[in-house]
Amino acid sequence: MFLIIFGLRGNKHDLDCQLALRCAAEIRDQYRSNARVLSASIGVTTGVSYCGVVGHFVRREYSVISVTVNKAARLMMAYPKKVTCDKDTFMMSKLDPVHFTLQEAIELKGLQNVGPIYEFKEIIP
């Protein structure tokens, strides 16, 4: 599992949500073409997070912490082999809704009222 962040302070873009979804789809496609990878599941969410150094100076690390990050991880686990996103990402992506499919609601561990979840489909250039 790895974490990719868009829109960090000093590097924001009006289309961060769209770029994140396109990046997720590209990663999924690259994994699909690799015979050693069985599947790829990706959760994309939008919100405010703490991004910074955490821990004692001997063992500190850069971390990203928030309910938004947790939601992305839960989406990844709940909707296997898909690129899924929350309502905020869907709305702020400014992409045509034809590229999304509303998913059946699934309870996400530790989260309440997550709202609608969408699968991001292919965008053919």
N, C-alpha and C. Protein backbone atom coordinates (compact mmCIF):
# COMPACT_ATOMS: atom_id res chain seq x y z
N MET A 1 0.84 -1.17 0.00
CA MET A 1 0.00 0.00 0.00
C MET A 1 0.89 1.24 0.00
N PHE A 2 0.49 2.24 -0.76
CA PHE A 2 1.19 3.51 -0.73
C PHE A 2 0.19 4.65 -0.80
N LEU A 3 0.67 5.84 -0.43
CA LEU A 3 -0.17 7.02 -0.31
C LEU A 3 0.36 8.10 -1.24
N ILE A 4 -0.53 8.66 -2.05
CA ILE A 4 -0.16 9.76 -2.94
C ILE A 4 -1.03 10.96 -2.57
N ILE A 5 -0.40 12.11 -2.39
CA ILE A 5 -1.11 13.32 -1.96
C ILE A 5 -1.06 14.36 -3.07
N PHE A 6 -2.21 14.96 -3.37
CA PHE A 6 -2.29 16.07 -4.31
C PHE A 6 -2.72 17.31 -3.53
N GLY A 7 -2.24 18.47 -3.93
CA GLY A 7 -2.68 19.72 -3.33
C GLY A 7 -1.99 20.11 -2.04
N LEU A 8 -0.76 19.67 -1.86
CA LEU A 8 -0.02 20.10 -0.68
C LEU A 8 0.22 21.60 -0.73
N ARG A 9 0.40 22.20 0.43
CA ARG A 9 0.64 23.63 0.51
C ARG A 9 1.78 24.02 -0.43
N GLY A 10 1.54 25.05 -1.22
CA GLY A 10 2.54 25.52 -2.17
C GLY A 10 2.51 24.79 -3.50
N ASN A 11 1.64 23.77 -3.62
CA ASN A 11 1.58 23.01 -4.86
C ASN A 11 0.12 22.65 -5.18
N LYS A 12 -0.77 23.63 -5.04
CA LYS A 12 -2.19 23.39 -5.28
C LYS A 12 -2.53 23.72 -6.73
N HIS A 13 -3.55 23.03 -7.22
CA HIS A 13 -4.00 23.20 -8.60
C HIS A 13 -5.52 23.10 -8.60
N ASP A 14 -6.18 23.88 -9.43
CA ASP A 14 -7.65 23.85 -9.49
C ASP A 14 -8.20 22.47 -9.82
N LEU A 15 -7.42 21.68 -10.52
CA LEU A 15 -7.89 20.36 -10.95
C LEU A 15 -7.24 19.22 -10.18
N ASP A 16 -6.87 19.46 -8.91
CA ASP A 16 -6.22 18.40 -8.12
C ASP A 16 -7.05 17.12 -8.06
N CYS A 17 -8.36 17.25 -7.91
CA CYS A 17 -9.21 16.05 -7.82
C CYS A 17 -9.20 15.28 -9.14
N GLN A 18 -9.30 16.00 -10.24
CA GLN A 18 -9.25 15.36 -11.55
C GLN A 18 -7.90 14.70 -11.79
N LEU A 19 -6.84 15.40 -11.44
CA LEU A 19 -5.50 14.84 -11.61
C LEU A 19 -5.30 13.60 -10.75
N ALA A 20 -5.84 13.62 -9.53
CA ALA A 20 -5.72 12.46 -8.65
C ALA A 20 -6.46 11.25 -9.22
N LEU A 21 -7.65 11.47 -9.77
CA LEU A 21 -8.40 10.37 -10.37
C LEU A 21 -7.70 9.82 -11.60
N ARG A 22 -7.18 10.70 -12.43
CA ARG A 22 -6.46 10.25 -13.63
C ARG A 22 -5.19 9.49 -13.24
N CYS A 23 -4.50 9.96 -12.22
CA CYS A 23 -3.31 9.27 -11.72
C CYS A 23 -3.69 7.88 -11.21
N ALA A 24 -4.78 7.79 -10.46
CA ALA A 24 -5.23 6.51 -9.92
C ALA A 24 -5.56 5.54 -11.06
N ALA A 25 -6.23 6.03 -12.09
CA ALA A 25 -6.57 5.17 -13.23
C ALA A 25 -5.32 4.70 -13.96
N GLU A 26 -4.34 5.58 -14.09
CA GLU A 26 -3.08 5.20 -14.74
C GLU A 26 -2.34 4.14 -13.92
N ILE A 27 -2.31 4.31 -12.62
CA ILE A 27 -1.67 3.31 -11.74
C ILE A 27 -2.39 1.97 -11.88
N ARG A 28 -3.72 2.00 -11.85
CA ARG A 28 -4.50 0.77 -12.01
C ARG A 28 -4.17 0.09 -13.34
N ASP A 29 -4.11 0.86 -14.41
CA ASP A 29 -3.81 0.30 -15.73
C ASP A 29 -2.42 -0.30 -15.78
N GLN A 30 -1.46 0.37 -15.16
CA GLN A 30 -0.09 -0.16 -15.13
C GLN A 30 -0.03 -1.47 -14.35
N TYR A 31 -0.76 -1.54 -13.25
CA TYR A 31 -0.79 -2.78 -12.47
C TYR A 31 -1.48 -3.90 -13.24
N ARG A 32 -2.54 -3.57 -13.97
CA ARG A 32 -3.25 -4.59 -14.76
C ARG A 32 -2.34 -5.22 -15.80
N SER A 33 -1.42 -4.44 -16.34
CA SER A 33 -0.53 -4.96 -17.38
C SER A 33 0.64 -5.76 -16.81
N ASN A 34 0.77 -5.81 -15.49
CA ASN A 34 1.84 -6.55 -14.84
C ASN A 34 1.30 -7.90 -14.37
N ALA A 35 1.78 -8.97 -14.97
CA ALA A 35 1.27 -10.31 -14.67
C ALA A 35 1.50 -10.73 -13.22
N ARG A 36 2.47 -10.12 -12.55
CA ARG A 36 2.75 -10.50 -11.16
C ARG A 36 1.82 -9.83 -10.16
N VAL A 37 1.06 -8.84 -10.59
CA VAL A 37 0.12 -8.14 -9.70
C VAL A 37 -1.27 -8.73 -9.93
N LEU A 38 -1.87 -9.26 -8.87
CA LEU A 38 -3.17 -9.91 -8.99
C LEU A 38 -4.31 -8.92 -9.13
N SER A 39 -4.25 -7.81 -8.39
CA SER A 39 -5.30 -6.80 -8.48
C SER A 39 -4.82 -5.49 -7.87
N ALA A 40 -5.52 -4.42 -8.22
CA ALA A 40 -5.23 -3.11 -7.64
C ALA A 40 -6.55 -2.46 -7.24
N SER A 41 -6.61 -1.97 -6.02
CA SER A 41 -7.79 -1.27 -5.50
C SER A 41 -7.33 0.09 -5.01
N ILE A 42 -8.02 1.15 -5.45
CA ILE A 42 -7.56 2.50 -5.14
C ILE A 42 -8.73 3.34 -4.63
N GLY A 43 -8.53 4.02 -3.50
CA GLY A 43 -9.51 4.94 -2.95
C GLY A 43 -9.00 6.36 -3.05
N VAL A 44 -9.83 7.26 -3.59
CA VAL A 44 -9.45 8.67 -3.75
C VAL A 44 -10.46 9.51 -2.98
N THR A 45 -9.97 10.32 -2.04
CA THR A 45 -10.84 11.17 -1.23
C THR A 45 -10.29 12.59 -1.19
N THR A 46 -11.16 13.52 -0.82
CA THR A 46 -10.79 14.93 -0.79
C THR A 46 -11.13 15.51 0.58
N GLY A 47 -10.19 16.26 1.15
CA GLY A 47 -10.43 16.90 2.43
C GLY A 47 -9.16 17.44 3.04
N VAL A 48 -9.30 18.02 4.20
CA VAL A 48 -8.17 18.62 4.91
C VAL A 48 -7.47 17.54 5.73
N SER A 49 -6.15 17.53 5.68
CA SER A 49 -5.34 16.56 6.43
C SER A 49 -4.16 17.25 7.08
N TYR A 50 -3.66 16.64 8.15
CA TYR A 50 -2.40 17.10 8.73
C TYR A 50 -1.28 16.43 7.94
N CYS A 51 -0.39 17.24 7.42
CA CYS A 51 0.78 16.75 6.69
C CYS A 51 2.00 17.32 7.38
N GLY A 52 2.80 16.47 8.00
CA GLY A 52 3.98 16.98 8.68
C GLY A 52 4.73 15.90 9.42
N VAL A 53 5.72 16.35 10.17
CA VAL A 53 6.59 15.44 10.91
C VAL A 53 5.90 15.00 12.19
N VAL A 54 5.98 13.70 12.47
CA VAL A 54 5.37 13.11 13.66
C VAL A 54 6.42 12.27 14.37
N GLY A 55 6.44 12.35 15.70
CA GLY A 55 7.30 11.47 16.48
C GLY A 55 8.52 12.14 17.08
N HIS A 56 9.19 11.37 17.92
CA HIS A 56 10.42 11.77 18.59
C HIS A 56 11.52 12.00 17.55
N PHE A 57 12.45 12.89 17.82
CA PHE A 57 13.47 13.24 16.83
C PHE A 57 14.32 12.04 16.40
N VAL A 58 14.39 11.01 17.21
CA VAL A 58 15.17 9.82 16.86
C VAL A 58 14.42 8.96 15.83
N ARG A 59 13.08 8.97 15.91
CA ARG A 59 12.29 8.09 15.05
C ARG A 59 11.23 8.84 14.25
N ARG A 60 11.38 10.10 14.04
CA ARG A 60 10.32 10.87 13.39
C ARG A 60 10.18 10.50 11.92
N GLU A 61 8.97 10.77 11.44
CA GLU A 61 8.67 10.51 10.04
C GLU A 61 7.67 11.54 9.54
N TYR A 62 7.65 11.72 8.25
CA TYR A 62 6.65 12.59 7.63
C TYR A 62 5.38 11.76 7.48
N SER A 63 4.25 12.31 7.89
CA SER A 63 3.01 11.55 7.85
C SER A 63 1.85 12.43 7.39
N VAL A 64 0.80 11.78 6.93
CA VAL A 64 -0.44 12.45 6.55
C VAL A 64 -1.55 11.77 7.34
N ILE A 65 -2.26 12.57 8.16
CA ILE A 65 -3.23 12.01 9.09
C ILE A 65 -4.55 12.77 8.98
N SER A 66 -5.64 12.01 8.80
CA SER A 66 -6.98 12.61 8.84
C SER A 66 -8.03 11.53 8.61
N VAL A 67 -9.27 11.89 8.86
CA VAL A 67 -10.39 11.01 8.54
C VAL A 67 -10.43 10.79 7.03
N THR A 68 -10.07 11.80 6.27
CA THR A 68 -10.05 11.69 4.80
C THR A 68 -9.10 10.60 4.34
N VAL A 69 -7.92 10.54 4.94
CA VAL A 69 -6.94 9.50 4.59
C VAL A 69 -7.49 8.13 4.99
N ASN A 70 -8.09 8.05 6.17
CA ASN A 70 -8.68 6.78 6.61
C ASN A 70 -9.79 6.32 5.66
N LYS A 71 -10.60 7.29 5.20
CA LYS A 71 -11.69 6.95 4.28
C LYS A 71 -11.14 6.37 2.98
N ALA A 72 -10.07 6.94 2.45
CA ALA A 72 -9.46 6.42 1.22
C ALA A 72 -9.02 4.97 1.41
N ALA A 73 -8.41 4.69 2.56
CA ALA A 73 -7.97 3.32 2.85
C ALA A 73 -9.16 2.38 2.96
N ARG A 74 -10.24 2.84 3.57
CA ARG A 74 -11.43 2.00 3.72
C ARG A 74 -12.09 1.74 2.36
N LEU A 75 -12.11 2.75 1.49
CA LEU A 75 -12.65 2.56 0.15
C LEU A 75 -11.86 1.52 -0.62
N MET A 76 -10.55 1.61 -0.50
CA MET A 76 -9.67 0.67 -1.17
C MET A 76 -9.98 -0.77 -0.75
N MET A 77 -10.25 -0.96 0.52
CA MET A 77 -10.52 -2.31 1.04
C MET A 77 -11.95 -2.77 0.72
N ALA A 78 -12.90 -1.86 0.72
CA ALA A 78 -14.31 -2.23 0.54
C ALA A 78 -14.70 -2.47 -0.92
N TYR A 79 -13.99 -1.85 -1.84
CA TYR A 79 -14.33 -1.95 -3.26
C TYR A 79 -13.13 -2.47 -4.05
N PRO A 80 -12.90 -3.78 -4.00
CA PRO A 80 -11.71 -4.35 -4.64
C PRO A 80 -11.72 -4.21 -6.16
N LYS A 81 -10.51 -4.06 -6.71
CA LYS A 81 -10.27 -4.00 -8.16
C LYS A 81 -10.93 -2.81 -8.83
N LYS A 82 -11.15 -1.73 -8.06
CA LYS A 82 -11.79 -0.53 -8.60
C LYS A 82 -11.04 0.72 -8.15
N VAL A 83 -11.21 1.80 -8.92
CA VAL A 83 -10.82 3.13 -8.47
C VAL A 83 -12.11 3.78 -7.99
N THR A 84 -12.21 4.02 -6.68
CA THR A 84 -13.41 4.62 -6.12
C THR A 84 -13.10 5.97 -5.50
N CYS A 85 -14.13 6.80 -5.39
CA CYS A 85 -13.94 8.12 -4.79
C CYS A 85 -15.18 8.53 -4.01
N ASP A 86 -15.00 9.51 -3.15
CA ASP A 86 -16.11 10.05 -2.37
C ASP A 86 -16.82 11.15 -3.16
N LYS A 87 -17.91 11.66 -2.59
CA LYS A 87 -18.71 12.68 -3.27
C LYS A 87 -17.91 13.96 -3.53
N ASP A 88 -17.10 14.39 -2.56
CA ASP A 88 -16.32 15.62 -2.74
C ASP A 88 -15.38 15.51 -3.93
N THR A 89 -14.71 14.38 -4.06
CA THR A 89 -13.80 14.18 -5.19
C THR A 89 -14.58 14.15 -6.50
N PHE A 90 -15.69 13.44 -6.50
CA PHE A 90 -16.56 13.37 -7.68
C PHE A 90 -16.97 14.78 -8.13
N MET A 91 -17.46 15.58 -7.20
CA MET A 91 -17.94 16.93 -7.52
C MET A 91 -16.81 17.86 -7.95
N MET A 92 -15.70 17.82 -7.23
CA MET A 92 -14.60 18.76 -7.48
C MET A 92 -13.72 18.36 -8.66
N SER A 93 -13.91 17.15 -9.19
CA SER A 93 -13.10 16.71 -10.33
C SER A 93 -13.48 17.45 -11.61
N LYS A 94 -14.69 17.96 -11.67
CA LYS A 94 -15.20 18.67 -12.84
C LYS A 94 -15.22 17.79 -14.09
N LEU A 95 -15.25 16.47 -13.87
CA LEU A 95 -15.35 15.53 -14.98
C LEU A 95 -16.82 15.23 -15.27
N ASP A 96 -17.10 14.85 -16.49
CA ASP A 96 -18.45 14.47 -16.89
C ASP A 96 -18.90 13.27 -16.05
N PRO A 97 -20.11 13.32 -15.49
CA PRO A 97 -20.60 12.21 -14.66
C PRO A 97 -20.64 10.86 -15.39
N VAL A 98 -20.59 10.87 -16.71
CA VAL A 98 -20.60 9.62 -17.47
C VAL A 98 -19.38 8.75 -17.13
N HIS A 99 -18.34 9.34 -16.57
CA HIS A 99 -17.12 8.61 -16.22
C HIS A 99 -17.20 7.97 -14.83
N PHE A 100 -18.35 8.06 -14.19
CA PHE A 100 -18.52 7.54 -12.84
C PHE A 100 -19.74 6.62 -12.75
N THR A 101 -19.66 5.65 -11.87
CA THR A 101 -20.79 4.77 -11.58
C THR A 101 -21.01 4.77 -10.07
N LEU A 102 -22.23 5.14 -9.67
CA LEU A 102 -22.58 5.12 -8.25
C LEU A 102 -22.51 3.69 -7.74
N GLN A 103 -21.85 3.50 -6.61
CA GLN A 103 -21.65 2.17 -6.04
C GLN A 103 -22.67 1.89 -4.95
N GLU A 104 -22.92 0.61 -4.74
CA GLU A 104 -23.79 0.20 -3.64
C GLU A 104 -23.11 0.59 -2.32
N ALA A 105 -23.90 1.11 -1.40
CA ALA A 105 -23.35 1.53 -0.10
C ALA A 105 -22.85 0.32 0.68
N ILE A 106 -21.66 0.45 1.21
CA ILE A 106 -21.06 -0.58 2.06
C ILE A 106 -20.61 0.12 3.34
N GLU A 107 -20.86 -0.51 4.48
CA GLU A 107 -20.41 0.08 5.74
C GLU A 107 -18.89 0.07 5.79
N LEU A 108 -18.31 1.22 6.08
CA LEU A 108 -16.86 1.34 6.17
C LEU A 108 -16.46 1.38 7.64
N LYS A 109 -15.61 0.48 8.04
CA LYS A 109 -15.19 0.34 9.43
C LYS A 109 -14.72 1.67 10.01
N GLY A 110 -15.31 2.04 11.14
CA GLY A 110 -14.89 3.23 11.87
C GLY A 110 -15.40 4.54 11.30
N LEU A 111 -16.19 4.49 10.23
CA LEU A 111 -16.69 5.72 9.60
C LEU A 111 -18.21 5.70 9.52
N GLN A 112 -18.82 6.87 9.71
CA GLN A 112 -20.27 6.98 9.61
C GLN A 112 -20.61 8.06 8.60
N ASN A 113 -21.75 7.91 7.96
CA ASN A 113 -22.25 8.92 7.02
C ASN A 113 -21.21 9.28 5.97
N VAL A 114 -20.68 8.29 5.28
CA VAL A 114 -19.64 8.56 4.28
C VAL A 114 -20.20 9.13 2.99
N GLY A 115 -21.51 9.05 2.81
CA GLY A 115 -22.12 9.59 1.60
C GLY A 115 -21.95 8.66 0.42
N PRO A 116 -22.36 9.13 -0.76
CA PRO A 116 -22.27 8.28 -1.95
C PRO A 116 -20.82 8.01 -2.34
N ILE A 117 -20.61 6.81 -2.89
CA ILE A 117 -19.29 6.40 -3.36
C ILE A 117 -19.42 6.10 -4.85
N TYR A 118 -18.44 6.54 -5.62
CA TYR A 118 -18.46 6.38 -7.07
C TYR A 118 -17.25 5.60 -7.54
N GLU A 119 -17.47 4.77 -8.56
CA GLU A 119 -16.34 4.15 -9.25
C GLU A 119 -15.97 5.05 -10.42
N PHE A 120 -14.69 5.35 -10.54
CA PHE A 120 -14.19 6.15 -11.66
C PHE A 120 -13.88 5.21 -12.81
N LYS A 121 -14.49 5.48 -13.96
CA LYS A 121 -14.30 4.65 -15.15
C LYS A 121 -13.28 5.28 -16.08
N GLU A 122 -12.98 4.55 -17.13
CA GLU A 122 -11.98 4.98 -18.11
C GLU A 122 -12.35 6.31 -18.76
N ILE A 123 -11.33 7.11 -19.05
CA ILE A 123 -11.49 8.27 -19.91
C ILE A 123 -10.64 7.98 -21.13
N ILE A 124 -11.28 7.83 -22.26
CA ILE A 124 -10.54 7.54 -23.49
C ILE A 124 -10.14 8.86 -24.12
N PRO A 125 -8.82 9.07 -24.30
CA PRO A 125 -8.35 10.37 -24.84
C PRO A 125 -8.81 10.64 -26.24
